[in-house]
C-alpha atoms as a PDB file:
ATOM      1  CA  MET A   1       0.000   0.000   0.000  1.00  0.00           C
ATOM      2  CA  GLN A   2       1.821   3.052  -1.289  1.00  0.00           C
ATOM      3  CA  THR A   3       1.017   6.696  -0.582  1.00  0.00           C
ATOM      4  CA  PRO A   4       0.422   8.476  -3.895  1.00  0.00           C
ATOM      5  CA  ALA A   5       3.005  10.927  -5.183  1.00  0.00           C
ATOM      6  CA  VAL A   6       2.197  14.606  -4.645  1.00  0.00           C
ATOM      7  CA  VAL A   7       2.876  17.543  -6.963  1.00  0.00           C
ATOM      8  CA  THR A   8       2.112  21.154  -6.147  1.00  0.00           C
ATOM      9  CA  THR A   9       2.677  22.972  -9.445  1.00  0.00           C
ATOM     10  CA  VAL A  10       0.934  22.909 -12.798  1.00  0.00           C
ATOM     11  CA  ASP A  11       4.239  22.284 -14.577  1.00  0.00           C
ATOM     12  CA  ALA A  12       4.915  19.198 -12.455  1.00  0.00           C
ATOM     13  CA  LEU A  13       1.366  17.928 -13.000  1.00  0.00           C
ATOM     14  CA  ARG A  14       1.686  18.308 -16.763  1.00  0.00           C
ATOM     15  CA  ALA A  15       5.068  16.606 -16.788  1.00  0.00           C
ATOM     16  CA  VAL A  16       3.743  13.490 -15.062  1.00  0.00           C
ATOM     17  CA  VAL A  17       0.553  13.347 -17.111  1.00  0.00           C
ATOM     18  CA  GLY A  18       2.561  13.934 -20.277  1.00  0.00           C
ATOM     19  CA  ASN A  19       4.686  10.866 -19.549  1.00  0.00           C
ATOM     20  CA  TRP A  20       1.553   8.758 -19.143  1.00  0.00           C
ATOM     21  CA  ARG A  21       0.109  10.059 -22.385  1.00  0.00           C
ATOM     22  CA  ARG A  22       3.285   9.285 -24.303  1.00  0.00           C
ATOM     23  CA  ALA A  23       2.925   5.736 -22.988  1.00  0.00           C
ATOM     24  CA  GLY A  24      -0.619   5.620 -24.391  1.00  0.00           C
ATOM     25  CA  GLU A  25      -2.350   5.630 -21.010  1.00  0.00           C
ATOM     26  CA  LYS A  26      -5.701   7.333 -20.333  1.00  0.00           C
ATOM     27  CA  VAL A  27      -6.024   9.634 -17.337  1.00  0.00           C
ATOM     28  CA  ALA A  28      -8.965  10.241 -14.990  1.00  0.00           C
ATOM     29  CA  LEU A  29      -9.271  13.220 -12.639  1.00  0.00           C
ATOM     30  CA  VAL A  30     -11.210  13.501  -9.371  1.00  0.00           C
ATOM     31  CA  PRO A  31     -11.378  17.148  -8.215  1.00  0.00           C
ATOM     32  CA  THR A  32     -11.805  17.532  -4.435  1.00  0.00           C
ATOM     33  CA  MET A  33     -11.339  20.055  -1.653  1.00  0.00           C
ATOM     34  CA  GLY A  34      -9.863  17.417   0.644  1.00  0.00           C
ATOM     35  CA  ALA A  35     -11.347  16.270   3.973  1.00  0.00           C
ATOM     36  CA  LEU A  36     -11.862  13.012   2.120  1.00  0.00           C
ATOM     37  CA  HIS A  37     -14.522  10.490   3.090  1.00  0.00           C
ATOM     38  CA  ALA A  38     -16.132   7.397   1.595  1.00  0.00           C
ATOM     39  CA  GLY A  39     -18.029   9.516  -0.917  1.00  0.00           C
ATOM     40  CA  HIS A  40     -14.781  10.790  -2.392  1.00  0.00           C
ATOM     41  CA  LEU A  41     -13.351   7.276  -2.457  1.00  0.00           C
ATOM     42  CA  ALA A  42     -16.378   6.158  -4.486  1.00  0.00           C
ATOM     43  CA  LEU A  43     -15.456   8.834  -7.044  1.00  0.00           C
ATOM     44  CA  VAL A  44     -11.897   7.524  -7.080  1.00  0.00           C
ATOM     45  CA  ALA A  45     -13.175   3.989  -7.665  1.00  0.00           C
ATOM     46  CA  GLU A  46     -15.230   5.210 -10.629  1.00  0.00           C
ATOM     47  CA  ALA A  47     -12.178   7.030 -11.975  1.00  0.00           C
ATOM     48  CA  ALA A  48     -10.095   3.859 -11.683  1.00  0.00           C
ATOM     49  CA  ARG A  49     -12.702   1.989 -13.712  1.00  0.00           C
ATOM     50  CA  ALA A  50     -12.498   4.675 -16.385  1.00  0.00           C
ATOM     51  CA  ALA A  51      -8.722   4.938 -16.803  1.00  0.00           C
ATOM     52  CA  PRO A  52      -5.507   3.213 -15.709  1.00  0.00           C
ATOM     53  CA  ARG A  53      -4.081   6.454 -14.293  1.00  0.00           C
ATOM     54  CA  VAL A  54      -5.926   8.432 -11.610  1.00  0.00           C
ATOM     55  CA  VAL A  55      -5.193  11.974 -10.425  1.00  0.00           C
ATOM     56  CA  VAL A  56      -6.918  13.455  -7.370  1.00  0.00           C
ATOM     57  CA  SER A  57      -6.728  17.204  -6.896  1.00  0.00           C
ATOM     58  CA  ILE A  58      -6.938  18.588  -3.360  1.00  0.00           C
ATOM     59  CA  PHE A  59      -7.526  22.324  -3.328  1.00  0.00           C
ATOM     60  CA  VAL A  60      -9.772  24.397  -1.083  1.00  0.00           C
ATOM     61  CA  ASN A  61     -10.905  26.887  -3.698  1.00  0.00           C
ATOM     62  CA  PRO A  62     -11.268  30.366  -2.197  1.00  0.00           C
ATOM     63  CA  THR A  63     -13.271  31.812  -5.078  1.00  0.00           C
ATOM     64  CA  GLN A  64     -16.327  29.683  -4.280  1.00  0.00           C
ATOM     65  CA  PHE A  65     -16.555  30.959  -0.688  1.00  0.00           C
ATOM     66  CA  ALA A  66     -18.229  34.219   0.253  1.00  0.00           C
ATOM     67  CA  PRO A  67     -16.540  36.369   2.946  1.00  0.00           C
ATOM     68  CA  HIS A  68     -18.989  35.156   5.617  1.00  0.00           C
ATOM     69  CA  GLU A  69     -18.560  31.453   4.774  1.00  0.00           C
ATOM     70  CA  ASP A  70     -16.237  28.843   6.262  1.00  0.00           C
ATOM     71  CA  LEU A  71     -13.102  29.146   4.106  1.00  0.00           C
ATOM     72  CA  ALA A  72     -10.817  29.710   7.104  1.00  0.00           C
ATOM     73  CA  THR A  73     -12.224  26.793   9.089  1.00  0.00           C
ATOM     74  CA  TYR A  74     -12.851  24.338   6.236  1.00  0.00           C
ATOM     75  CA  PRO A  75     -11.180  21.061   7.308  1.00  0.00           C
ATOM     76  CA  ARG A  76      -7.683  20.574   5.894  1.00  0.00           C
ATOM     77  CA  ASN A  77      -5.469  17.565   6.597  1.00  0.00           C
ATOM     78  CA  LEU A  78      -3.350  16.539   3.627  1.00  0.00           C
ATOM     79  CA  GLU A  79      -1.551  13.783   5.543  1.00  0.00           C
ATOM     80  CA  ARG A  80      -4.836  12.121   6.472  1.00  0.00           C
ATOM     81  CA  ASP A  81      -6.166  12.525   2.927  1.00  0.00           C
ATOM     82  CA  LEU A  82      -3.066  10.871   1.474  1.00  0.00           C
ATOM     83  CA  ALA A  83      -3.464   7.971   3.900  1.00  0.00           C
ATOM     84  CA  ALA A  84      -7.087   7.550   2.786  1.00  0.00           C
ATOM     85  CA  LEU A  85      -6.001   7.500  -0.859  1.00  0.00           C
ATOM     86  CA  ALA A  86      -3.142   5.031  -0.365  1.00  0.00           C
ATOM     87  CA  PRO A  87      -5.258   1.869  -0.768  1.00  0.00           C
ATOM     88  CA  ALA A  88      -7.407   3.391  -3.523  1.00  0.00           C
ATOM     89  CA  GLY A  89      -5.018   3.059  -6.455  1.00  0.00           C
ATOM     90  CA  VAL A  90      -4.436   6.803  -6.912  1.00  0.00           C
ATOM     91  CA  ASP A  91      -1.306   7.546  -8.933  1.00  0.00           C
ATOM     92  CA  LEU A  92      -0.911  11.259  -8.262  1.00  0.00           C
ATOM     93  CA  VAL A  93      -2.260  13.989  -5.992  1.00  0.00           C
ATOM     94  CA  PHE A  94      -2.231  17.566  -7.223  1.00  0.00           C
ATOM     95  CA  ALA A  95      -2.212  19.813  -4.137  1.00  0.00           C
ATOM     96  CA  PRO A  96      -1.453  23.370  -5.268  1.00  0.00           C
ATOM     97  CA  GLU A  97      -1.267  26.497  -3.141  1.00  0.00           C
ATOM     98  CA  VAL A  98      -3.664  29.354  -3.845  1.00  0.00           C
ATOM     99  CA  GLY A  99      -0.949  31.345  -5.622  1.00  0.00           C
ATOM    100  CA  GLU A 100      -0.367  28.498  -8.062  1.00  0.00           C
ATOM    101  CA  MET A 101      -4.026  28.372  -9.079  1.00  0.00           C
ATOM    102  CA  TYR A 102      -4.571  32.135  -8.967  1.00  0.00           C
ATOM    103  CA  PRO A 103      -1.266  33.866  -9.773  1.00  0.00           C
ATOM    104  CA  GLU A 104      -0.863  37.521  -8.872  1.00  0.00           C
ATOM    105  CA  GLY A 105      -3.014  39.635 -11.153  1.00  0.00           C
ATOM    106  CA  ALA A 106      -5.349  36.785 -12.116  1.00  0.00           C
ATOM    107  CA  SER A 107      -8.551  38.394 -13.404  1.00  0.00           C
ATOM    108  CA  THR A 108     -10.341  35.788 -15.529  1.00  0.00           C
ATOM    109  CA  VAL A 109     -13.642  34.399 -14.250  1.00  0.00           C
ATOM    110  CA  VAL A 110     -15.707  31.713 -15.965  1.00  0.00           C
ATOM    111  CA  THR A 111     -19.483  32.049 -15.686  1.00  0.00           C
ATOM    112  CA  VAL A 112     -22.028  29.469 -16.812  1.00  0.00           C
ATOM    113  CA  GLY A 113     -25.694  30.227 -17.429  1.00  0.00           C
ATOM    114  CA  GLY A 114     -28.390  27.619 -17.920  1.00  0.00           C
ATOM    115  CA  PRO A 115     -28.227  25.067 -15.092  1.00  0.00           C
ATOM    116  CA  SER A 116     -26.534  27.524 -12.719  1.00  0.00           C
ATOM    117  CA  GLN A 117     -29.696  29.618 -12.471  1.00  0.00           C
ATOM    118  CA  GLY A 118     -31.574  29.574  -9.159  1.00  0.00           C
ATOM    119  CA  LEU A 119     -31.205  27.047  -6.328  1.00  0.00           C
ATOM    120  CA  GLU A 120     -27.609  27.447  -5.074  1.00  0.00           C
ATOM    121  CA  SER A 121     -27.178  30.671  -7.048  1.00  0.00           C
ATOM    122  CA  ASP A 122     -29.998  32.310  -5.098  1.00  0.00           C
ATOM    123  CA  ALA A 123     -28.406  31.506  -1.748  1.00  0.00           C
ATOM    124  CA  ARG A 124     -24.756  31.758  -2.867  1.00  0.00           C
ATOM    125  CA  PRO A 125     -24.551  34.042  -5.939  1.00  0.00           C
ATOM    126  CA  HIS A 126     -20.746  33.844  -6.009  1.00  0.00           C
ATOM    127  CA  PHE A 127     -20.576  30.062  -5.921  1.00  0.00           C
ATOM    128  CA  PHE A 128     -20.797  28.766  -9.473  1.00  0.00           C
ATOM    129  CA  ALA A 129     -18.441  31.349 -10.940  1.00  0.00           C
ATOM    130  CA  GLY A 130     -15.868  30.112  -8.445  1.00  0.00           C
ATOM    131  CA  VAL A 131     -16.606  26.471  -9.225  1.00  0.00           C
ATOM    132  CA  ALA A 132     -16.613  26.960 -12.996  1.00  0.00           C
ATOM    133  CA  THR A 133     -13.357  28.899 -12.917  1.00  0.00           C
ATOM    134  CA  VAL A 134     -11.449  26.356 -10.842  1.00  0.00           C
ATOM    135  CA  VAL A 135     -12.889  23.353 -12.709  1.00  0.00           C
ATOM    136  CA  ALA A 136     -11.990  24.895 -16.071  1.00  0.00           C
ATOM    137  CA  LYS A 137      -8.451  25.357 -14.749  1.00  0.00           C
ATOM    138  CA  LEU A 138      -8.194  21.797 -13.447  1.00  0.00           C
ATOM    139  CA  LEU A 139      -9.590  20.205 -16.619  1.00  0.00           C
ATOM    140  CA  THR A 140      -7.144  22.095 -18.813  1.00  0.00           C
ATOM    141  CA  GLN A 141      -4.187  21.715 -16.442  1.00  0.00           C
ATOM    142  CA  CYS A 142      -4.602  17.955 -16.163  1.00  0.00           C
ATOM    143  CA  ALA A 143      -5.973  17.382 -19.682  1.00  0.00           C
ATOM    144  CA  ALA A 144      -7.751  14.329 -18.309  1.00  0.00           C
ATOM    145  CA  ASP A 145      -9.715  11.990 -20.554  1.00  0.00           C
ATOM    146  CA  VAL A 146     -12.354  11.608 -17.820  1.00  0.00           C
ATOM    147  CA  ALA A 147     -13.313  13.641 -14.757  1.00  0.00           C
ATOM    148  CA  VAL A 148     -15.616  12.272 -12.058  1.00  0.00           C
ATOM    149  CA  PHE A 149     -18.041  14.309  -9.935  1.00  0.00           C
ATOM    150  CA  GLY A 150     -20.581  13.253  -7.323  1.00  0.00           C
ATOM    151  CA  GLU A 151     -24.338  13.431  -7.742  1.00  0.00           C
ATOM    152  CA  LYS A 152     -24.717  14.881  -4.242  1.00  0.00           C
ATOM    153  CA  ASP A 153     -23.728  18.212  -5.796  1.00  0.00           C
ATOM    154  CA  PHE A 154     -26.224  17.696  -8.608  1.00  0.00           C
ATOM    155  CA  GLN A 155     -26.488  21.301  -9.776  1.00  0.00           C
ATOM    156  CA  GLN A 156     -22.703  21.590  -9.759  1.00  0.00           C
ATOM    157  CA  LEU A 157     -22.508  18.434 -11.893  1.00  0.00           C
ATOM    158  CA  ALA A 158     -24.907  19.977 -14.407  1.00  0.00           C
ATOM    159  CA  VAL A 159     -22.874  23.203 -14.469  1.00  0.00           C
ATOM    160  CA  VAL A 160     -19.629  21.296 -15.074  1.00  0.00           C
ATOM    161  CA  ARG A 161     -21.193  19.328 -17.925  1.00  0.00           C
ATOM    162  CA  ARG A 162     -22.424  22.565 -19.513  1.00  0.00           C
ATOM    163  CA  LEU A 163     -19.002  24.148 -19.031  1.00  0.00           C
ATOM    164  CA  ALA A 164     -17.180  21.271 -20.745  1.00  0.00           C
ATOM    165  CA  ARG A 165     -19.624  21.279 -23.669  1.00  0.00           C
ATOM    166  CA  ASP A 166     -19.638  25.032 -24.166  1.00  0.00           C
ATOM    167  CA  LEU A 167     -15.847  25.417 -23.997  1.00  0.00           C
ATOM    168  CA  SER A 168     -15.191  22.277 -26.085  1.00  0.00           C
ATOM    169  CA  ILE A 169     -13.057  20.784 -23.319  1.00  0.00           C
ATOM    170  CA  PRO A 170     -12.438  17.199 -24.478  1.00  0.00           C
ATOM    171  CA  THR A 171     -12.901  15.626 -21.050  1.00  0.00           C
ATOM    172  CA  GLU A 172     -15.744  13.174 -20.474  1.00  0.00           C
ATOM    173  CA  ILE A 173     -17.673  14.225 -17.375  1.00  0.00           C
ATOM    174  CA  ARG A 174     -18.860  11.202 -15.405  1.00  0.00           C
ATOM    175  CA  SER A 175     -20.976  11.059 -12.280  1.00  0.00           C
ATOM    176  CA  ALA A 176     -21.121   8.716  -9.299  1.00  0.00           C
ATOM    177  CA  PRO A 177     -24.143   8.189  -7.020  1.00  0.00           C
ATOM    178  CA  THR A 178     -24.389   9.856  -3.626  1.00  0.00           C
ATOM    179  CA  VAL A 179     -22.894   7.814  -0.795  1.00  0.00           C
ATOM    180  CA  ARG A 180     -24.977   7.873   2.374  1.00  0.00           C
ATOM    181  CA  GLU A 181     -24.754   6.988   6.019  1.00  0.00           C
ATOM    182  CA  PRO A 182     -27.100   4.176   7.163  1.00  0.00           C
ATOM    183  CA  SER A 183     -29.546   6.885   8.288  1.00  0.00           C
ATOM    184  CA  GLY A 184     -29.735   8.256   4.738  1.00  0.00           C
ATOM    185  CA  LEU A 185     -27.689  11.378   5.469  1.00  0.00           C
ATOM    186  CA  ALA A 186     -25.506  12.185   2.454  1.00  0.00           C
ATOM    187  CA  LEU A 187     -21.791  12.039   3.222  1.00  0.00           C
ATOM    188  CA  SER A 188     -20.240  15.506   3.278  1.00  0.00           C
ATOM    189  CA  SER A 189     -17.074  17.031   4.680  1.00  0.00           C
ATOM    190  CA  ARG A 190     -19.316  19.489   6.530  1.00  0.00           C
ATOM    191  CA  ASN A 191     -20.996  16.644   8.467  1.00  0.00           C
ATOM    192  CA  ALA A 192     -17.983  16.866  10.775  1.00  0.00           C
ATOM    193  CA  TYR A 193     -19.415  20.150  12.076  1.00  0.00           C
ATOM    194  CA  LEU A 194     -22.661  18.482  13.250  1.00  0.00           C
ATOM    195  CA  SER A 195     -23.314  17.677  16.902  1.00  0.00           C
ATOM    196  CA  ALA A 196     -24.506  14.136  17.654  1.00  0.00           C
ATOM    197  CA  ASP A 197     -28.069  15.402  18.105  1.00  0.00           C
ATOM    198  CA  ASP A 198     -28.065  17.456  14.913  1.00  0.00           C
ATOM    199  CA  ARG A 199     -26.548  14.553  12.985  1.00  0.00           C
ATOM    200  CA  ALA A 200     -29.435  12.315  14.058  1.00  0.00           C
ATOM    201  CA  ARG A 201     -32.034  14.932  13.113  1.00  0.00           C
ATOM    202  CA  ALA A 202     -30.286  15.685   9.820  1.00  0.00           C
ATOM    203  CA  ALA A 203     -31.410  12.306   8.477  1.00  0.00           C
ATOM    204  CA  GLY A 204     -34.857  13.884   8.144  1.00  0.00           C
ATOM    205  CA  LEU A 205     -33.666  15.823   5.089  1.00  0.00           C
ATOM    206  CA  HIS A 206     -33.240  12.774   2.880  1.00  0.00           C
ATOM    207  CA  ALA A 207     -36.349  11.080   4.298  1.00  0.00           C
ATOM    208  CA  ALA A 208     -38.508  14.072   3.380  1.00  0.00           C
ATOM    209  CA  LEU A 209     -37.087  14.338  -0.138  1.00  0.00           C
ATOM    210  CA  SER A 210     -37.539  10.617  -0.748  1.00  0.00           C
ATOM    211  CA  GLY A 211     -41.155  10.825   0.383  1.00  0.00           C
ATOM    212  CA  ALA A 212     -41.798  13.727  -1.986  1.00  0.00           C
ATOM    213  CA  ALA A 213     -40.238  11.830  -4.895  1.00  0.00           C
ATOM    214  CA  GLU A 214     -42.442   8.828  -4.209  1.00  0.00           C
ATOM    215  CA  GLY A 215     -45.484  11.081  -4.082  1.00  0.00           C
ATOM    216  CA  VAL A 216     -44.733  12.695  -7.449  1.00  0.00           C
ATOM    217  CA  ARG A 217     -44.095   9.299  -9.048  1.00  0.00           C
ATOM    218  CA  ALA A 218     -47.457   8.156  -7.704  1.00  0.00           C
ATOM    219  CA  GLY A 219     -49.233  11.098  -9.302  1.00  0.00           C
ATOM    220  CA  ARG A 220     -49.324  13.609  -6.467  1.00  0.00           C
ATOM    221  CA  SER A 221     -48.939  17.195  -7.593  1.00  0.00           C
ATOM    222  CA  ALA A 222     -45.437  18.581  -7.389  1.00  0.00           C
ATOM    223  CA  GLU A 223     -46.620  21.591  -5.415  1.00  0.00           C
ATOM    224  CA  SER A 224     -48.240  19.444  -2.740  1.00  0.00           C
ATOM    225  CA  ALA A 225     -45.345  17.009  -2.488  1.00  0.00           C
ATOM    226  CA  ILE A 226     -42.764  19.782  -2.200  1.00  0.00           C
ATOM    227  CA  ALA A 227     -44.820  21.677   0.388  1.00  0.00           C
ATOM    228  CA  THR A 228     -45.075  18.546   2.532  1.00  0.00           C
ATOM    229  CA  ALA A 229     -41.344  17.876   2.208  1.00  0.00           C
ATOM    230  CA  ARG A 230     -40.509  21.425   3.232  1.00  0.00           C
ATOM    231  CA  ALA A 231     -42.717  21.173   6.308  1.00  0.00           C
ATOM    232  CA  GLN A 232     -41.128  17.840   7.279  1.00  0.00           C
ATOM    233  CA  ILE A 233     -37.614  19.230   6.872  1.00  0.00           C
ATOM    234  CA  GLU A 234     -38.468  22.221   9.043  1.00  0.00           C
ATOM    235  CA  ALA A 235     -40.010  19.894  11.626  1.00  0.00           C
ATOM    236  CA  SER A 236     -36.664  18.063  11.803  1.00  0.00           C
ATOM    237  CA  GLY A 237     -35.060  21.303  12.970  1.00  0.00           C
ATOM    238  CA  PHE A 238     -33.784  22.748   9.696  1.00  0.00           C
ATOM    239  CA  ALA A 239     -34.017  26.286   8.375  1.00  0.00           C
ATOM    240  CA  VAL A 240     -34.753  25.709   4.693  1.00  0.00           C
ATOM    241  CA  ASP A 241     -33.031  27.640   1.892  1.00  0.00           C
ATOM    242  CA  TYR A 242     -34.900  25.843  -0.898  1.00  0.00           C
ATOM    243  CA  VAL A 243     -36.709  22.668  -1.854  1.00  0.00           C
ATOM    244  CA  GLU A 244     -37.485  22.448  -5.572  1.00  0.00           C
ATOM    245  CA  LEU A 245     -38.362  19.915  -8.248  1.00  0.00           C
ATOM    246  CA  ARG A 246     -36.494  20.490 -11.515  1.00  0.00           C
ATOM    247  CA  ASP A 247     -36.045  18.678 -14.832  1.00  0.00           C
ATOM    248  CA  ALA A 248     -33.170  16.261 -14.228  1.00  0.00           C
ATOM    249  CA  GLY A 249     -31.590  16.870 -17.617  1.00  0.00           C
ATOM    250  CA  THR A 250     -31.704  20.648 -17.894  1.00  0.00           C
ATOM    251  CA  LEU A 251     -32.510  21.809 -14.343  1.00  0.00           C
ATOM    252  CA  GLY A 252     -35.246  23.860 -15.979  1.00  0.00           C
ATOM    253  CA  ALA A 253     -38.920  23.659 -15.066  1.00  0.00           C
ATOM    254  CA  PHE A 254     -40.257  20.172 -14.393  1.00  0.00           C
ATOM    255  CA  GLU A 255     -43.157  19.103 -16.612  1.00  0.00           C
ATOM    256  CA  PRO A 256     -44.881  16.080 -15.041  1.00  0.00           C
ATOM    257  CA  ASP A 257     -46.669  15.067 -18.268  1.00  0.00           C
ATOM    258  CA  SER A 258     -43.490  15.046 -20.375  1.00  0.00           C
ATOM    259  CA  GLY A 259     -42.310  11.638 -19.178  1.00  0.00           C
ATOM    260  CA  ARG A 260     -38.920  13.175 -18.434  1.00  0.00           C
ATOM    261  CA  ASP A 261     -37.194  12.465 -15.152  1.00  0.00           C
ATOM    262  CA  GLY A 262     -37.032  15.056 -12.412  1.00  0.00           C
ATOM    263  CA  ARG A 263     -34.757  15.835  -9.494  1.00  0.00           C
ATOM    264  CA  ILE A 264     -35.770  17.222  -6.126  1.00  0.00           C
ATOM    265  CA  LEU A 265     -32.995  19.425  -4.770  1.00  0.00           C
ATOM    266  CA  ALA A 266     -32.760  20.993  -1.338  1.00  0.00           C
ATOM    267  CA  ALA A 267     -30.473  23.036   0.871  1.00  0.00           C
ATOM    268  CA  ALA A 268     -31.093  23.630   4.559  1.00  0.00           C
ATOM    269  CA  ARG A 269     -29.260  24.559   7.752  1.00  0.00           C
ATOM    270  CA  ILE A 270     -29.204  22.707  11.039  1.00  0.00           C
ATOM    271  CA  GLY A 271     -27.063  23.663  14.006  1.00  0.00           C
ATOM    272  CA  GLY A 272     -25.420  26.311  11.849  1.00  0.00           C
ATOM    273  CA  VAL A 273     -24.332  23.747   9.246  1.00  0.00           C
ATOM    274  CA  ARG A 274     -25.602  24.064   5.686  1.00  0.00           C
ATOM    275  CA  LEU A 275     -26.372  20.723   4.013  1.00  0.00           C
ATOM    276  CA  ILE A 276     -27.515  19.964   0.473  1.00  0.00           C
ATOM    277  CA  ASP A 277     -29.131  16.844  -0.925  1.00  0.00           C
ATOM    278  CA  ASN A 278     -31.180  15.651  -3.878  1.00  0.00           C
ATOM    279  CA  VAL A 279     -33.158  12.618  -4.998  1.00  0.00           C
ATOM    280  CA  PRO A 280     -34.275  11.430  -8.440  1.00  0.00           C
ATOM    281  CA  VAL A 281     -37.877  11.385  -9.597  1.00  0.00           C
ATOM    282  CA  THR A 282     -37.832   8.642 -12.232  1.00  0.00           C
ATOM    283  CA  MET A 283     -40.907   9.334 -14.329  1.00  0.00           C
ATOM    284  CA  SER A 284     -39.746   7.841 -17.622  1.00  0.00           C
ATOM    285  CA  LYS A 285     -39.670   4.290 -16.282  1.00  0.00           C
ATOM    286  CA  SER A 286     -43.198   4.551 -14.956  1.00  0.00           C
ATOM    287  CA  VAL A 287     -44.775   5.907 -18.138  1.00  0.00           C
ATOM    288  CA  ALA A 288     -46.496   3.215 -20.218  1.00  0.00           C
END
């Protein structure tokens, strides 16, 4: 079991990846902000299925945090992250400093329309510009054949797919399902902030969304199902930012008679910790 090699500069990253490419090997990238857990390792496993060489980036991206958010306290432990990656078959970790990713005078920002509209953008208007900018950098720096993102951040996944298409970045964007605790709570680095009591109550978020999805599949109106879910989430002790049903493909308006699948997405705060989650509404398989 070998700890993966670490590089901290773009030049070093490109040198290693270039050697693999000259040997005819495909490369998969898993972008992370560290504080790795089983959800990240599931992304790594998907990357390993996609390509013989796997790169994991670990970079807490400052441009996706607002001044009042938890950039300073976001969990960072590179040694522990490397230990978690050691048995996972990762070949290389790219762990740049902020100045490497955003050199002095950096002034280019990537913005994506379409699936970035609403939801997270309403609560965190800075967020997707920061995500799109850093992901565009990582995809071009690594020049990976495949990049893997988690479905827990479903709107982010849609934004990244749009970004790659619109900028003609020749990286296949793959997704991996959300990994959950036995209670149903989606794994997240921010779960570490939860007290034991809040962690137990937080399971109500996924339970409420799953109930709403079942209701819509059974023919209940979206408005009624979402209203019930919101009330249940609030009853669990959350302050709700949003609970919405969107078209799963476009993140536009959901049309229940179209036969297209939907996605219920939510963000809510409990004990001062902001959690997001989503569940599929699989209409197409139930339409005769």
